[in-house]
Amino acid sequence: MSVGRTADRERNDSERDLEQRVASMRYLISLADKRKPFRKKNPKLALAELQDDFVHLQLVNKDLVLTTSRGEKIDLRFVEKSAIEIHKRAERLFANLALPEPKASFSTQKTDQISDSKQLKKSITDMGWLIYWFVKNPIFKEVEVIDTSAAQKAEHDLSAIIELSEHVRKSCEELSKSN
């Protein structure tokens, strides 16, 4: 554990990082408002939703990955609820962010059939990495500088998270029925 000046510096760096992310999200909301003039959502509400969804997406993901990696037995109800929450948060992020349309070079992720707990764990791990890389995308750090390839990657990752979370949810339902 850091103490003294090192701890203060780490805390300041962390606060600065959060402030940069919030500023980037505000900028993306302003782009979304320009791109979608029919939006009825209050920009302050959209920013609050973005911040909430961004944080909770990470928290639910971390809890899901850690819980399912601990043992052989998987609580399908817990996984299903987590997948529903991830799906909800990712869809709302997608609606509130002004991400560009994906290039043709970004193909949607192929989702394999999930017929046992080993395949389910693999899909949860894959989704965990997608969320990790989405959150670490540079567009959430650079204020008013949007790298189009990074933005397209964020759009692709978020779309894949939405698809995979729905696939995991449906697979949990099917596995519950078969057990």
Foldseek 3Di string as FASTA:
>chain_A
DDDDPVVVVVVVVVVLQVVLLLLLLLVQLVVLCVVCVVDPDDSVVLSVLLVVLLVVLLVLLVVQLVVLVPDDDDDLVSLLVSLVSNLVSLVSNLNRGNFDDADPVQDADDDDQDDGSVSLSVLSVVLSVLSVVLSVQCSSRDRPDDDNVSSNSNNRSSVNSNVSSVNSNVNSVVNVVVD
